[in-house]
Amino acid sequence: MVHVLLPYAALPIYAALVRIDPALLRASDGLGASRLTTFRRVLLPLAGRGIATAGIFTFLQPLGFFVTPMLLGGPGTTTIPMLIDTFVNERLDWPLAAATAMALLAMALAVMWLARRFAPAAALADVA
């Protein structure tokens, strides 16, 4: 999963970092700020939208991963999609499977709502 999701995390952050004017970093250095202060007060706020976009991408996509955790995790690992599969194929409890699927959908929609609340869609689309 890391190999699949790494580009979805790295590319928005890279796009945000490329857009930062190097003169801002030089100005911070010229004004006597340490590297940590420059990172914390200049670079991190300017790259924040790219980091938020990367976090949203890498959180929402693995919510539906089914085969990879099942094959690599073994029988002791349970994810929500695996739980839904168990409800449908082994227990034949369709209402519980539907309720669990709706809970998964609600989690994904809540993350998307939070992302839209704290980072407008135009800003996220501008970074990506």
N, C-alpha and C. Protein backbone atom coordinates (compact mmCIF):
# COMPACT_ATOMS: atom_id res chain seq x y z
N MET A 1 0.82 -1.18 0.00
CA MET A 1 0.00 0.00 0.00
C MET A 1 0.87 1.25 0.00
N VAL A 2 2.01 1.18 0.66
CA VAL A 2 2.90 2.35 0.68
C VAL A 2 3.41 2.64 -0.72
N HIS A 3 3.74 1.59 -1.47
CA HIS A 3 4.24 1.79 -2.83
C HIS A 3 3.17 2.41 -3.73
N VAL A 4 1.94 2.05 -3.52
CA VAL A 4 0.86 2.59 -4.34
C VAL A 4 0.53 4.02 -3.94
N LEU A 5 0.52 4.31 -2.64
CA LEU A 5 0.05 5.61 -2.16
C LEU A 5 1.15 6.67 -2.05
N LEU A 6 2.40 6.28 -2.13
CA LEU A 6 3.49 7.25 -1.99
C LEU A 6 3.44 8.36 -3.04
N PRO A 7 3.18 8.08 -4.30
CA PRO A 7 3.07 9.19 -5.26
C PRO A 7 1.93 10.15 -4.94
N TYR A 8 0.84 9.63 -4.39
CA TYR A 8 -0.28 10.50 -4.04
C TYR A 8 0.06 11.41 -2.88
N ALA A 9 1.05 11.04 -2.09
CA ALA A 9 1.50 11.91 -1.00
C ALA A 9 2.62 12.83 -1.46
N ALA A 10 3.52 12.31 -2.27
CA ALA A 10 4.71 13.09 -2.63
C ALA A 10 4.41 14.16 -3.67
N LEU A 11 3.59 13.87 -4.65
CA LEU A 11 3.38 14.82 -5.74
C LEU A 11 2.69 16.12 -5.31
N PRO A 12 1.64 16.10 -4.48
CA PRO A 12 1.07 17.39 -4.05
C PRO A 12 2.03 18.21 -3.19
N ILE A 13 2.81 17.52 -2.35
CA ILE A 13 3.79 18.25 -1.53
C ILE A 13 4.87 18.84 -2.43
N TYR A 14 5.33 18.07 -3.40
CA TYR A 14 6.33 18.58 -4.33
C TYR A 14 5.80 19.78 -5.11
N ALA A 15 4.56 19.69 -5.57
CA ALA A 15 3.97 20.80 -6.32
C ALA A 15 3.87 22.06 -5.46
N ALA A 16 3.56 21.89 -4.19
CA ALA A 16 3.47 23.04 -3.30
C ALA A 16 4.85 23.63 -3.03
N LEU A 17 5.86 22.77 -2.88
CA LEU A 17 7.21 23.26 -2.59
C LEU A 17 7.84 23.96 -3.79
N VAL A 18 7.53 23.50 -5.00
CA VAL A 18 8.09 24.11 -6.20
C VAL A 18 7.57 25.54 -6.39
N ARG A 19 6.34 25.78 -5.95
CA ARG A 19 5.74 27.10 -6.14
C ARG A 19 6.24 28.15 -5.15
N ILE A 20 6.99 27.74 -4.12
CA ILE A 20 7.48 28.69 -3.12
C ILE A 20 8.67 29.45 -3.70
N ASP A 21 8.63 30.75 -3.58
CA ASP A 21 9.70 31.60 -4.09
C ASP A 21 10.95 31.44 -3.22
N PRO A 22 12.09 31.06 -3.80
CA PRO A 22 13.31 30.90 -3.01
C PRO A 22 13.76 32.20 -2.35
N ALA A 23 13.33 33.33 -2.88
CA ALA A 23 13.71 34.60 -2.28
C ALA A 23 13.15 34.74 -0.86
N LEU A 24 12.01 34.11 -0.59
CA LEU A 24 11.45 34.14 0.75
C LEU A 24 12.35 33.41 1.75
N LEU A 25 12.89 32.29 1.33
CA LEU A 25 13.79 31.54 2.20
C LEU A 25 15.09 32.29 2.41
N ARG A 26 15.60 32.91 1.34
CA ARG A 26 16.83 33.71 1.48
C ARG A 26 16.59 34.93 2.36
N ALA A 27 15.41 35.54 2.25
CA ALA A 27 15.09 36.69 3.08
C ALA A 27 15.02 36.30 4.55
N SER A 28 14.45 35.15 4.82
CA SER A 28 14.39 34.67 6.20
C SER A 28 15.79 34.41 6.75
N ASP A 29 16.63 33.85 5.91
CA ASP A 29 18.02 33.61 6.32
C ASP A 29 18.75 34.93 6.51
N GLY A 30 18.50 35.88 5.64
CA GLY A 30 19.15 37.18 5.73
C GLY A 30 18.72 37.98 6.95
N LEU A 31 17.53 37.72 7.43
CA LEU A 31 17.03 38.42 8.61
C LEU A 31 17.45 37.73 9.91
N GLY A 32 18.24 36.66 9.78
CA GLY A 32 18.81 36.02 10.97
C GLY A 32 18.02 34.86 11.53
N ALA A 33 17.05 34.35 10.81
CA ALA A 33 16.28 33.21 11.30
C ALA A 33 17.09 31.93 11.14
N SER A 34 16.95 31.03 12.11
CA SER A 34 17.62 29.74 12.01
C SER A 34 16.90 28.88 10.97
N ARG A 35 17.51 27.77 10.63
CA ARG A 35 16.88 26.88 9.65
C ARG A 35 15.56 26.32 10.17
N LEU A 36 15.51 26.02 11.46
CA LEU A 36 14.28 25.50 12.04
C LEU A 36 13.18 26.56 12.03
N THR A 37 13.55 27.80 12.35
CA THR A 37 12.57 28.88 12.33
C THR A 37 12.08 29.14 10.90
N THR A 38 12.99 29.10 9.94
CA THR A 38 12.60 29.28 8.54
C THR A 38 11.64 28.17 8.10
N PHE A 39 11.96 26.96 8.49
CA PHE A 39 11.08 25.84 8.14
C PHE A 39 9.70 26.01 8.79
N ARG A 40 9.69 26.33 10.07
CA ARG A 40 8.46 26.38 10.84
C ARG A 40 7.59 27.59 10.49
N ARG A 41 8.20 28.73 10.21
CA ARG A 41 7.42 29.96 10.05
C ARG A 41 7.27 30.42 8.60
N VAL A 42 8.08 29.87 7.69
CA VAL A 42 7.99 30.28 6.29
C VAL A 42 7.58 29.10 5.40
N LEU A 43 8.38 28.04 5.42
CA LEU A 43 8.17 26.93 4.49
C LEU A 43 6.92 26.13 4.81
N LEU A 44 6.72 25.78 6.06
CA LEU A 44 5.57 24.95 6.43
C LEU A 44 4.22 25.63 6.17
N PRO A 45 4.03 26.92 6.51
CA PRO A 45 2.74 27.54 6.17
C PRO A 45 2.49 27.65 4.66
N LEU A 46 3.55 27.89 3.90
CA LEU A 46 3.36 28.01 2.46
C LEU A 46 3.10 26.66 1.79
N ALA A 47 3.60 25.59 2.37
CA ALA A 47 3.39 24.25 1.81
C ALA A 47 2.21 23.55 2.48
N GLY A 48 1.50 24.23 3.35
CA GLY A 48 0.42 23.61 4.11
C GLY A 48 -0.70 23.04 3.26
N ARG A 49 -1.08 23.73 2.20
CA ARG A 49 -2.15 23.21 1.34
C ARG A 49 -1.73 21.93 0.63
N GLY A 50 -0.48 21.87 0.20
CA GLY A 50 0.01 20.64 -0.43
C GLY A 50 0.06 19.49 0.55
N ILE A 51 0.44 19.78 1.79
CA ILE A 51 0.48 18.74 2.82
C ILE A 51 -0.94 18.28 3.14
N ALA A 52 -1.87 19.22 3.21
CA ALA A 52 -3.28 18.85 3.47
C ALA A 52 -3.83 18.00 2.33
N THR A 53 -3.53 18.37 1.10
CA THR A 53 -3.98 17.59 -0.05
C THR A 53 -3.40 16.19 -0.01
N ALA A 54 -2.12 16.07 0.30
CA ALA A 54 -1.47 14.76 0.40
C ALA A 54 -2.12 13.93 1.50
N GLY A 55 -2.42 14.55 2.61
CA GLY A 55 -3.07 13.81 3.70
C GLY A 55 -4.45 13.31 3.32
N ILE A 56 -5.20 14.13 2.62
CA ILE A 56 -6.54 13.73 2.19
C ILE A 56 -6.46 12.58 1.19
N PHE A 57 -5.58 12.71 0.21
CA PHE A 57 -5.43 11.65 -0.78
C PHE A 57 -5.03 10.33 -0.14
N THR A 58 -4.06 10.37 0.74
CA THR A 58 -3.54 9.13 1.31
C THR A 58 -4.43 8.58 2.41
N PHE A 59 -5.38 9.35 2.91
CA PHE A 59 -6.32 8.80 3.89
C PHE A 59 -7.54 8.20 3.20
N LEU A 60 -8.06 8.85 2.20
CA LEU A 60 -9.30 8.39 1.59
C LEU A 60 -9.12 7.17 0.69
N GLN A 61 -8.02 7.08 0.00
CA GLN A 61 -7.86 5.96 -0.92
C GLN A 61 -7.76 4.60 -0.23
N PRO A 62 -7.00 4.45 0.85
CA PRO A 62 -6.93 3.11 1.44
C PRO A 62 -8.17 2.68 2.21
N LEU A 63 -9.19 3.55 2.33
CA LEU A 63 -10.41 3.13 3.02
C LEU A 63 -11.06 1.93 2.32
N GLY A 64 -10.92 1.85 1.03
CA GLY A 64 -11.53 0.75 0.29
C GLY A 64 -10.60 -0.38 -0.05
N PHE A 65 -9.36 -0.34 0.40
CA PHE A 65 -8.42 -1.41 0.08
C PHE A 65 -8.90 -2.70 0.72
N PHE A 66 -8.94 -3.75 -0.07
CA PHE A 66 -9.46 -5.02 0.42
C PHE A 66 -8.45 -6.15 0.23
N VAL A 67 -7.96 -6.32 -0.98
CA VAL A 67 -7.12 -7.47 -1.30
C VAL A 67 -5.76 -7.37 -0.63
N THR A 68 -5.12 -6.21 -0.67
CA THR A 68 -3.77 -6.07 -0.13
C THR A 68 -3.72 -6.38 1.37
N PRO A 69 -4.58 -5.79 2.21
CA PRO A 69 -4.52 -6.16 3.62
C PRO A 69 -4.90 -7.61 3.89
N MET A 70 -5.79 -8.15 3.06
CA MET A 70 -6.21 -9.54 3.26
C MET A 70 -5.05 -10.50 2.95
N LEU A 71 -4.33 -10.25 1.86
CA LEU A 71 -3.24 -11.14 1.49
C LEU A 71 -2.01 -10.96 2.37
N LEU A 72 -1.67 -9.72 2.66
CA LEU A 72 -0.45 -9.47 3.43
C LEU A 72 -0.66 -9.50 4.93
N GLY A 73 -1.85 -9.16 5.39
CA GLY A 73 -2.11 -9.10 6.83
C GLY A 73 -2.42 -10.43 7.46
N GLY A 74 -2.94 -11.36 6.71
CA GLY A 74 -3.30 -12.65 7.26
C GLY A 74 -4.66 -12.63 7.93
N PRO A 75 -4.99 -13.73 8.58
CA PRO A 75 -6.32 -13.83 9.19
C PRO A 75 -6.50 -12.97 10.43
N GLY A 76 -5.42 -12.54 11.05
CA GLY A 76 -5.53 -11.73 12.25
C GLY A 76 -5.83 -10.27 11.99
N THR A 77 -5.68 -9.83 10.76
CA THR A 77 -5.90 -8.43 10.41
C THR A 77 -7.32 -8.26 9.89
N THR A 78 -8.01 -7.24 10.42
CA THR A 78 -9.37 -6.96 9.96
C THR A 78 -9.47 -5.47 9.65
N THR A 79 -9.90 -5.18 8.44
CA THR A 79 -10.20 -3.81 8.05
C THR A 79 -11.70 -3.72 7.79
N ILE A 80 -12.20 -2.52 7.63
CA ILE A 80 -13.65 -2.36 7.42
C ILE A 80 -14.12 -3.04 6.13
N PRO A 81 -13.40 -2.91 5.00
CA PRO A 81 -13.86 -3.65 3.81
C PRO A 81 -13.85 -5.17 4.02
N MET A 82 -12.87 -5.67 4.78
CA MET A 82 -12.85 -7.11 5.07
C MET A 82 -14.02 -7.50 5.96
N LEU A 83 -14.39 -6.61 6.88
CA LEU A 83 -15.53 -6.86 7.75
C LEU A 83 -16.83 -6.91 6.94
N ILE A 84 -16.95 -6.00 5.99
CA ILE A 84 -18.13 -6.00 5.12
C ILE A 84 -18.20 -7.31 4.32
N ASP A 85 -17.06 -7.76 3.82
CA ASP A 85 -17.01 -9.02 3.08
C ASP A 85 -17.43 -10.19 3.97
N THR A 86 -16.99 -10.19 5.21
CA THR A 86 -17.38 -11.25 6.14
C THR A 86 -18.88 -11.23 6.39
N PHE A 87 -19.44 -10.04 6.56
CA PHE A 87 -20.89 -9.95 6.79
C PHE A 87 -21.68 -10.46 5.59
N VAL A 88 -21.19 -10.20 4.39
CA VAL A 88 -21.93 -10.59 3.18
C VAL A 88 -21.73 -12.07 2.87
N ASN A 89 -20.49 -12.55 2.87
CA ASN A 89 -20.20 -13.90 2.37
C ASN A 89 -20.27 -15.00 3.42
N GLU A 90 -19.94 -14.70 4.67
CA GLU A 90 -19.94 -15.76 5.68
C GLU A 90 -21.17 -15.73 6.57
N ARG A 91 -21.54 -14.56 7.06
CA ARG A 91 -22.68 -14.46 7.97
C ARG A 91 -24.01 -14.28 7.24
N LEU A 92 -23.94 -13.87 6.00
CA LEU A 92 -25.13 -13.58 5.19
C LEU A 92 -26.04 -12.56 5.89
N ASP A 93 -25.42 -11.57 6.53
CA ASP A 93 -26.13 -10.53 7.24
C ASP A 93 -26.05 -9.25 6.42
N TRP A 94 -26.94 -9.14 5.44
CA TRP A 94 -26.91 -8.02 4.52
C TRP A 94 -27.20 -6.68 5.18
N PRO A 95 -28.16 -6.60 6.12
CA PRO A 95 -28.39 -5.30 6.76
C PRO A 95 -27.17 -4.79 7.54
N LEU A 96 -26.48 -5.68 8.24
CA LEU A 96 -25.29 -5.26 8.98
C LEU A 96 -24.17 -4.86 8.01
N ALA A 97 -24.05 -5.56 6.89
CA ALA A 97 -23.06 -5.18 5.89
C ALA A 97 -23.39 -3.81 5.30
N ALA A 98 -24.65 -3.55 5.06
CA ALA A 98 -25.06 -2.25 4.52
C ALA A 98 -24.80 -1.14 5.54
N ALA A 99 -25.07 -1.42 6.82
CA ALA A 99 -24.82 -0.43 7.86
C ALA A 99 -23.33 -0.13 7.99
N THR A 100 -22.51 -1.15 7.90
CA THR A 100 -21.06 -0.96 7.97
C THR A 100 -20.55 -0.19 6.76
N ALA A 101 -21.09 -0.50 5.59
CA ALA A 101 -20.71 0.24 4.39
C ALA A 101 -21.12 1.71 4.49
N MET A 102 -22.28 1.96 5.06
CA MET A 102 -22.71 3.35 5.25
C MET A 102 -21.82 4.07 6.26
N ALA A 103 -21.36 3.35 7.29
CA ALA A 103 -20.43 3.96 8.26
C ALA A 103 -19.11 4.32 7.57
N LEU A 104 -18.64 3.44 6.70
CA LEU A 104 -17.41 3.72 5.95
C LEU A 104 -17.61 4.92 5.03
N LEU A 105 -18.75 4.99 4.38
CA LEU A 105 -19.06 6.13 3.52
C LEU A 105 -19.15 7.41 4.35
N ALA A 106 -19.75 7.33 5.52
CA ALA A 106 -19.87 8.51 6.39
C ALA A 106 -18.49 9.00 6.83
N MET A 107 -17.58 8.07 7.12
CA MET A 107 -16.21 8.47 7.49
C MET A 107 -15.52 9.19 6.34
N ALA A 108 -15.67 8.66 5.14
CA ALA A 108 -15.04 9.29 3.98
C ALA A 108 -15.65 10.67 3.72
N LEU A 109 -16.96 10.78 3.83
CA LEU A 109 -17.61 12.07 3.61
C LEU A 109 -17.24 13.08 4.70
N ALA A 110 -17.06 12.61 5.93
CA ALA A 110 -16.64 13.50 7.02
C ALA A 110 -15.25 14.06 6.77
N VAL A 111 -14.36 13.22 6.29
CA VAL A 111 -13.01 13.69 5.97
C VAL A 111 -13.05 14.70 4.83
N MET A 112 -13.87 14.42 3.82
CA MET A 112 -13.99 15.36 2.71
C MET A 112 -14.62 16.67 3.16
N TRP A 113 -15.59 16.62 4.07
CA TRP A 113 -16.22 17.83 4.58
C TRP A 113 -15.21 18.65 5.38
N LEU A 114 -14.41 17.98 6.22
CA LEU A 114 -13.38 18.69 6.98
C LEU A 114 -12.36 19.33 6.06
N ALA A 115 -12.00 18.62 5.01
CA ALA A 115 -11.03 19.17 4.06
C ALA A 115 -11.60 20.40 3.37
N ARG A 116 -12.85 20.33 3.01
CA ARG A 116 -13.47 21.48 2.35
C ARG A 116 -13.66 22.64 3.32
N ARG A 117 -13.92 22.32 4.57
CA ARG A 117 -14.13 23.35 5.59
C ARG A 117 -12.85 24.13 5.86
N PHE A 118 -11.72 23.43 5.97
CA PHE A 118 -10.49 24.08 6.36
C PHE A 118 -9.58 24.45 5.20
N ALA A 119 -9.80 23.85 4.04
CA ALA A 119 -9.04 24.20 2.84
C ALA A 119 -10.03 24.25 1.69
N PRO A 120 -10.34 25.43 1.18
CA PRO A 120 -11.33 25.53 0.09
C PRO A 120 -10.92 24.69 -1.12
N ALA A 121 -11.92 24.23 -1.86
CA ALA A 121 -11.67 23.36 -3.00
C ALA A 121 -10.82 24.02 -4.05
N ALA A 122 -10.97 25.34 -4.23
CA ALA A 122 -10.16 26.04 -5.22
C ALA A 122 -8.69 26.02 -4.84
N ALA A 123 -8.40 26.10 -3.56
CA ALA A 123 -7.00 26.07 -3.13
C ALA A 123 -6.42 24.68 -3.30
N LEU A 124 -7.22 23.65 -3.02
CA LEU A 124 -6.73 22.28 -3.21
C LEU A 124 -6.52 21.97 -4.68
N ALA A 125 -7.42 22.44 -5.53
CA ALA A 125 -7.28 22.20 -6.97
C ALA A 125 -6.10 23.00 -7.53
N ASP A 126 -5.81 24.14 -6.94
CA ASP A 126 -4.70 24.96 -7.41
C ASP A 126 -3.36 24.29 -7.14
N VAL A 127 -3.24 23.55 -6.02
CA VAL A 127 -1.99 22.89 -5.67
C VAL A 127 -1.78 21.67 -6.53
N ALA A 128 -2.83 20.87 -6.69
CA ALA A 128 -2.72 19.63 -7.43
C ALA A 128 -2.68 19.92 -8.89
